[in-house]
Each structure stands twice: as C-alpha cells, then as structure tokens.
Amino acid sequence: MFQDPTLYPWRTVRGNVMLGLEARRVPRLERAERVRAALRLVGLDGFAEVFPHQLSGGMAQRAALARALVNAPRLLLLDEPLGKLDALTRLALQAEILRLWQETRFTALLVTHDVEEALVLAERVIVLSDRPAAIRADLPVDLPYPRHRDDPELVRLRRTILGILGQPI
C-alpha cells in the first residue's frame, strides 16, 4: 500500500479492489464474495459502485487497503500509507489498520516518518540513518494494545527515538 491510493479513475471502488483477483484469475463468484468482504472489513461496503474522484482522501486509502487485503496477504507492505492525510483521518486509519491487523494477523512492514505512529502500531521499531540507510536502533515495543499516546512508556520510547535521530526533545 502506497502513500497515494493509486486507484484507477475509470474503475469503481469494487473494480479497483477486484483488480488483483482478476489478474490471478480467481473465479468470478469467489472474486465477488472476497471483494464484498474486503469492502465490509474497511467500512466501504456502501461505496462499491463509487468512482475514486467521489471519495475523500481517507476513503480512497481505505479502498487501497481493501485492494491489498482482498488477496489475503501474509505480508503487507505499507509505504507511508497515511502520510498525506489530515490529522483526524490519519488517527482513524491508524486505528483501522491496527484493528484489521488484530483481526487477520498478517505480518506488516510499515515505513513511516511519524515516530508516534510507529510506536502506536508496531511491536518493533527499527530506526534508520540517512543515506546510505543503516540500522541505528532496533527497539521492541512491549506495550499492550490499544496504546495511548500519553502512556509514560510510549513517551519515553518516543523521546529515545527522537534523541537517536538528533531531534530536540
């Protein structure tokens, strides 16, 4: 899943979500069932026939997430998927991704520049240096879910990571 939803404008939400299943030649009946389930999972079941230009930014990202999840991945790669969203939509989608992860238990690799986002979502945070990238820190996040941004341990980890990155605390 990319920073931009990268939905095809000429396809409906259903058509965009179905794309990978079509390419893999999944039978039509199974495709329809899996797309319905994926749209329900991300809260877009009422928007199957809508085109991308009719969606908000958060809804478009949900459609992109459904497109990734419909293929039942064991590994989900998320490259700054929430970076362009407004703050409230970003928080809502962080909670949604966490809920989906807890429900389906896929492995996720999330690339983000948002330290707090990493700490709220991840079980492990790897801090990379500038180019050429090298691992500067590998920190386990042994906190129960749901995590609260004002949890003292989360605040401590955030300060640690910002210190590693050379940012004022």
C-alpha atoms as a PDB file:
ATOM      1  CA  MET A   1       0.000   0.000   0.000  1.00  0.00           C
ATOM      2  CA  PHE A   2       1.467   3.305  -1.114  1.00  0.00           C
ATOM      3  CA  GLN A   3       1.363   6.879   0.149  1.00  0.00           C
ATOM      4  CA  ASP A   4      -1.115   7.658  -2.628  1.00  0.00           C
ATOM      5  CA  PRO A   5      -4.100   5.353  -3.128  1.00  0.00           C
ATOM      6  CA  THR A   6      -3.160   4.813  -6.821  1.00  0.00           C
ATOM      7  CA  LEU A   7      -6.721   3.861  -7.722  1.00  0.00           C
ATOM      8  CA  TYR A   8      -7.645   3.652 -11.398  1.00  0.00           C
ATOM      9  CA  PRO A   9     -10.045   6.553 -12.031  1.00  0.00           C
ATOM     10  CA  TRP A  10     -12.066   4.660 -14.652  1.00  0.00           C
ATOM     11  CA  ARG A  11     -12.825   1.775 -12.302  1.00  0.00           C
ATOM     12  CA  THR A  12     -15.290   1.826  -9.422  1.00  0.00           C
ATOM     13  CA  VAL A  13     -14.146   1.042  -5.899  1.00  0.00           C
ATOM     14  CA  ARG A  14     -15.296  -2.550  -6.500  1.00  0.00           C
ATOM     15  CA  GLY A  15     -13.347  -2.688  -9.764  1.00  0.00           C
ATOM     16  CA  ASN A  16     -10.188  -1.344  -8.129  1.00  0.00           C
ATOM     17  CA  VAL A  17     -10.393  -3.799  -5.247  1.00  0.00           C
ATOM     18  CA  MET A  18     -11.068  -6.674  -7.663  1.00  0.00           C
ATOM     19  CA  LEU A  19      -8.028  -5.962  -9.839  1.00  0.00           C
ATOM     20  CA  GLY A  20      -5.561  -8.363  -8.202  1.00  0.00           C
ATOM     21  CA  LEU A  21      -8.110 -11.162  -8.092  1.00  0.00           C
ATOM     22  CA  GLU A  22      -8.831 -10.690 -11.815  1.00  0.00           C
ATOM     23  CA  ALA A  23      -5.121 -10.788 -12.627  1.00  0.00           C
ATOM     24  CA  ARG A  24      -4.790 -14.031 -10.671  1.00  0.00           C
ATOM     25  CA  ARG A  25      -7.865 -15.436 -12.482  1.00  0.00           C
ATOM     26  CA  VAL A  26      -9.803 -16.091  -9.308  1.00  0.00           C
ATOM     27  CA  PRO A  27     -13.262 -17.402 -10.303  1.00  0.00           C
ATOM     28  CA  ARG A  28     -15.916 -14.686 -10.672  1.00  0.00           C
ATOM     29  CA  LEU A  29     -18.157 -15.843  -7.810  1.00  0.00           C
ATOM     30  CA  GLU A  30     -15.234 -16.069  -5.387  1.00  0.00           C
ATOM     31  CA  ARG A  31     -13.993 -12.641  -6.530  1.00  0.00           C
ATOM     32  CA  ALA A  32     -17.364 -11.061  -5.787  1.00  0.00           C
ATOM     33  CA  GLU A  33     -17.516 -12.608  -2.315  1.00  0.00           C
ATOM     34  CA  ARG A  34     -13.964 -11.626  -1.424  1.00  0.00           C
ATOM     35  CA  VAL A  35     -14.425  -8.045  -2.642  1.00  0.00           C
ATOM     36  CA  ARG A  36     -17.652  -7.682  -0.621  1.00  0.00           C
ATOM     37  CA  ALA A  37     -15.856  -8.995   2.465  1.00  0.00           C
ATOM     38  CA  ALA A  38     -12.849  -6.678   1.959  1.00  0.00           C
ATOM     39  CA  LEU A  39     -15.052  -3.619   1.491  1.00  0.00           C
ATOM     40  CA  ARG A  40     -17.035  -4.521   4.613  1.00  0.00           C
ATOM     41  CA  LEU A  41     -13.765  -5.009   6.520  1.00  0.00           C
ATOM     42  CA  VAL A  42     -12.593  -1.448   5.751  1.00  0.00           C
ATOM     43  CA  GLY A  43     -16.028   0.137   6.156  1.00  0.00           C
ATOM     44  CA  LEU A  44     -16.711   0.838   2.476  1.00  0.00           C
ATOM     45  CA  ASP A  45     -19.458  -1.695   1.802  1.00  0.00           C
ATOM     46  CA  GLY A  46     -21.853   1.096   0.735  1.00  0.00           C
ATOM     47  CA  PHE A  47     -19.368   2.583  -1.741  1.00  0.00           C
ATOM     48  CA  ALA A  48     -18.676  -0.301  -4.133  1.00  0.00           C
ATOM     49  CA  GLU A  49     -20.083   1.497  -7.201  1.00  0.00           C
ATOM     50  CA  VAL A  50     -18.471   4.877  -6.481  1.00  0.00           C
ATOM     51  CA  PHE A  51     -15.560   6.167  -8.570  1.00  0.00           C
ATOM     52  CA  PRO A  52     -12.301   7.338  -6.925  1.00  0.00           C
ATOM     53  CA  HIS A  53     -12.922  11.048  -7.616  1.00  0.00           C
ATOM     54  CA  GLN A  54     -16.055  10.790  -5.462  1.00  0.00           C
ATOM     55  CA  LEU A  55     -14.117   9.602  -2.391  1.00  0.00           C
ATOM     56  CA  SER A  56     -12.436  11.578   0.364  1.00  0.00           C
ATOM     57  CA  GLY A  57      -8.706  11.008   0.900  1.00  0.00           C
ATOM     58  CA  GLY A  58      -9.362   8.681   3.819  1.00  0.00           C
ATOM     59  CA  MET A  59     -11.945   6.685   1.879  1.00  0.00           C
ATOM     60  CA  ALA A  60      -9.559   6.336  -1.065  1.00  0.00           C
ATOM     61  CA  GLN A  61      -6.886   4.989   1.305  1.00  0.00           C
ATOM     62  CA  ARG A  62      -9.455   2.545   2.709  1.00  0.00           C
ATOM     63  CA  ALA A  63     -10.164   1.377  -0.840  1.00  0.00           C
ATOM     64  CA  ALA A  64      -6.422   0.893  -1.409  1.00  0.00           C
ATOM     65  CA  LEU A  65      -6.230  -1.060   1.850  1.00  0.00           C
ATOM     66  CA  ALA A  66      -9.145  -3.247   0.757  1.00  0.00           C
ATOM     67  CA  ARG A  67      -7.370  -3.839  -2.571  1.00  0.00           C
ATOM     68  CA  ALA A  68      -4.318  -5.077  -0.657  1.00  0.00           C
ATOM     69  CA  LEU A  69      -6.256  -7.160   1.874  1.00  0.00           C
ATOM     70  CA  VAL A  70      -8.582  -8.855  -0.633  1.00  0.00           C
ATOM     71  CA  ASN A  71      -5.646 -11.006  -1.713  1.00  0.00           C
ATOM     72  CA  ALA A  72      -5.249 -12.338   1.863  1.00  0.00           C
ATOM     73  CA  PRO A  73      -1.556 -11.398   2.069  1.00  0.00           C
ATOM     74  CA  ARG A  74       0.682 -12.949   4.660  1.00  0.00           C
ATOM     75  CA  LEU A  75       2.917  -9.864   4.372  1.00  0.00           C
ATOM     76  CA  LEU A  76       1.507  -6.368   3.928  1.00  0.00           C
ATOM     77  CA  LEU A  77       3.960  -3.645   2.877  1.00  0.00           C
ATOM     78  CA  LEU A  78       2.847  -0.151   3.865  1.00  0.00           C
ATOM     79  CA  ASP A  79       4.930   2.697   2.456  1.00  0.00           C
ATOM     80  CA  GLU A  80       3.884   5.936   4.194  1.00  0.00           C
ATOM     81  CA  PRO A  81       0.216   4.997   3.637  1.00  0.00           C
ATOM     82  CA  LEU A  82      -1.146   7.754   5.878  1.00  0.00           C
ATOM     83  CA  GLY A  83       1.379  10.497   5.185  1.00  0.00           C
ATOM     84  CA  LYS A  84      -0.888  12.720   3.086  1.00  0.00           C
ATOM     85  CA  LEU A  85      -3.989  12.517   5.254  1.00  0.00           C
ATOM     86  CA  ASP A  86      -5.284  15.151   7.638  1.00  0.00           C
ATOM     87  CA  ALA A  87      -4.585  14.527  11.321  1.00  0.00           C
ATOM     88  CA  LEU A  88      -8.017  13.192  12.304  1.00  0.00           C
ATOM     89  CA  THR A  89      -8.328  10.885   9.291  1.00  0.00           C
ATOM     90  CA  ARG A  90      -4.807   9.673   9.970  1.00  0.00           C
ATOM     91  CA  LEU A  91      -5.691   8.763  13.567  1.00  0.00           C
ATOM     92  CA  ALA A  92      -8.843   6.971  12.394  1.00  0.00           C
ATOM     93  CA  LEU A  93      -6.944   4.941   9.803  1.00  0.00           C
ATOM     94  CA  GLN A  94      -4.195   4.079  12.287  1.00  0.00           C
ATOM     95  CA  ALA A  95      -6.897   2.577  14.490  1.00  0.00           C
ATOM     96  CA  GLU A  96      -8.403   0.823  11.470  1.00  0.00           C
ATOM     97  CA  ILE A  97      -5.100  -0.724  10.388  1.00  0.00           C
ATOM     98  CA  LEU A  98      -4.484  -1.880  13.947  1.00  0.00           C
ATOM     99  CA  ARG A  99      -7.980  -3.414  14.133  1.00  0.00           C
ATOM    100  CA  LEU A 100      -7.511  -5.211  10.806  1.00  0.00           C
ATOM    101  CA  TRP A 101      -4.092  -6.490  11.877  1.00  0.00           C
ATOM    102  CA  GLN A 102      -5.537  -7.831  15.132  1.00  0.00           C
ATOM    103  CA  GLU A 103      -8.388  -9.463  13.215  1.00  0.00           C
ATOM    104  CA  THR A 104      -6.412 -11.087  10.385  1.00  0.00           C
ATOM    105  CA  ARG A 105      -2.899 -11.318  11.922  1.00  0.00           C
ATOM    106  CA  PHE A 106      -0.983 -10.546   8.709  1.00  0.00           C
ATOM    107  CA  THR A 107       2.641  -9.519   9.065  1.00  0.00           C
ATOM    108  CA  ALA A 108       3.084  -5.834   8.275  1.00  0.00           C
ATOM    109  CA  LEU A 109       6.120  -3.767   7.407  1.00  0.00           C
ATOM    110  CA  LEU A 110       5.274  -0.095   7.882  1.00  0.00           C
ATOM    111  CA  VAL A 111       7.555   2.651   6.612  1.00  0.00           C
ATOM    112  CA  THR A 112       6.787   5.950   8.308  1.00  0.00           C
ATOM    113  CA  HIS A 113       8.482   9.170   9.336  1.00  0.00           C
ATOM    114  CA  ASP A 114       5.971   9.587  12.171  1.00  0.00           C
ATOM    115  CA  VAL A 115       7.632   8.281  15.342  1.00  0.00           C
ATOM    116  CA  GLU A 116       4.388   8.287  17.309  1.00  0.00           C
ATOM    117  CA  GLU A 117       2.586   6.348  14.552  1.00  0.00           C
ATOM    118  CA  ALA A 118       5.300   3.703  14.615  1.00  0.00           C
ATOM    119  CA  LEU A 119       5.064   3.377  18.388  1.00  0.00           C
ATOM    120  CA  VAL A 120       1.269   3.182  18.428  1.00  0.00           C
ATOM    121  CA  LEU A 121       1.116   0.497  15.726  1.00  0.00           C
ATOM    122  CA  ALA A 122       4.301  -1.554  15.854  1.00  0.00           C
ATOM    123  CA  GLU A 123       5.647  -4.312  18.033  1.00  0.00           C
ATOM    124  CA  ARG A 124       9.148  -3.384  16.916  1.00  0.00           C
ATOM    125  CA  VAL A 125      10.591  -0.102  15.611  1.00  0.00           C
ATOM    126  CA  ILE A 126      13.733  -0.006  13.520  1.00  0.00           C
ATOM    127  CA  VAL A 127      15.306   3.435  13.203  1.00  0.00           C
ATOM    128  CA  LEU A 128      17.321   4.003  10.027  1.00  0.00           C
ATOM    129  CA  SER A 129      20.034   6.548   9.322  1.00  0.00           C
ATOM    130  CA  ASP A 130      20.165   8.867   6.340  1.00  0.00           C
ATOM    131  CA  ARG A 131      21.577   7.589   3.065  1.00  0.00           C
ATOM    132  CA  PRO A 132      23.020   5.147   2.807  1.00  0.00           C
ATOM    133  CA  ALA A 133      20.479   3.655   5.197  1.00  0.00           C
ATOM    134  CA  ALA A 134      21.851   1.713   8.119  1.00  0.00           C
ATOM    135  CA  ILE A 135      20.123   0.492  11.246  1.00  0.00           C
ATOM    136  CA  ARG A 136      20.699   2.958  14.074  1.00  0.00           C
ATOM    137  CA  ALA A 137      18.374   1.292  16.588  1.00  0.00           C
ATOM    138  CA  ASP A 138      16.108  -1.729  16.888  1.00  0.00           C
ATOM    139  CA  LEU A 139      13.587  -1.191  19.669  1.00  0.00           C
ATOM    140  CA  PRO A 140      10.935  -3.639  20.856  1.00  0.00           C
ATOM    141  CA  VAL A 141       7.626  -2.020  21.824  1.00  0.00           C
ATOM    142  CA  ASP A 142       6.313  -4.320  24.550  1.00  0.00           C
ATOM    143  CA  LEU A 143       3.121  -2.422  25.347  1.00  0.00           C
ATOM    144  CA  PRO A 144      -0.430  -3.787  25.272  1.00  0.00           C
ATOM    145  CA  TYR A 145      -2.987  -2.658  22.686  1.00  0.00           C
ATOM    146  CA  PRO A 146      -4.690  -0.310  22.434  1.00  0.00           C
ATOM    147  CA  ARG A 147      -1.849   2.069  23.147  1.00  0.00           C
ATOM    148  CA  HIS A 148      -2.371   5.561  24.440  1.00  0.00           C
ATOM    149  CA  ARG A 149      -0.178   8.358  23.170  1.00  0.00           C
ATOM    150  CA  ASP A 150       0.289   9.746  26.676  1.00  0.00           C
ATOM    151  CA  ASP A 151       1.395   6.401  28.172  1.00  0.00           C
ATOM    152  CA  PRO A 152       4.652   7.193  30.045  1.00  0.00           C
ATOM    153  CA  GLU A 153       6.493   4.249  28.442  1.00  0.00           C
ATOM    154  CA  LEU A 154       5.393   5.294  24.958  1.00  0.00           C
ATOM    155  CA  VAL A 155       6.511   8.872  25.696  1.00  0.00           C
ATOM    156  CA  ARG A 156       9.873   7.544  26.919  1.00  0.00           C
ATOM    157  CA  LEU A 157      10.327   5.476  23.732  1.00  0.00           C
ATOM    158  CA  ARG A 158       9.362   8.472  21.597  1.00  0.00           C
ATOM    159  CA  ARG A 159      11.998  10.611  23.330  1.00  0.00           C
ATOM    160  CA  THR A 160      14.583   7.853  22.900  1.00  0.00           C
ATOM    161  CA  ILE A 161      13.908   7.610  19.164  1.00  0.00           C
ATOM    162  CA  LEU A 162      13.918  11.382  18.667  1.00  0.00           C
ATOM    163  CA  GLY A 163      17.239  11.511  20.531  1.00  0.00           C
ATOM    164  CA  ILE A 164      18.673   8.833  18.231  1.00  0.00           C
ATOM    165  CA  LEU A 165      17.521  10.922  15.280  1.00  0.00           C
ATOM    166  CA  GLY A 166      19.231  14.002  16.736  1.00  0.00           C
ATOM    167  CA  GLN A 167      15.997  15.896  17.305  1.00  0.00           C
ATOM    168  CA  PRO A 168      15.405  18.126  20.308  1.00  0.00           C
ATOM    169  CA  ILE A 169      13.188  16.502  22.901  1.00  0.00           C
END
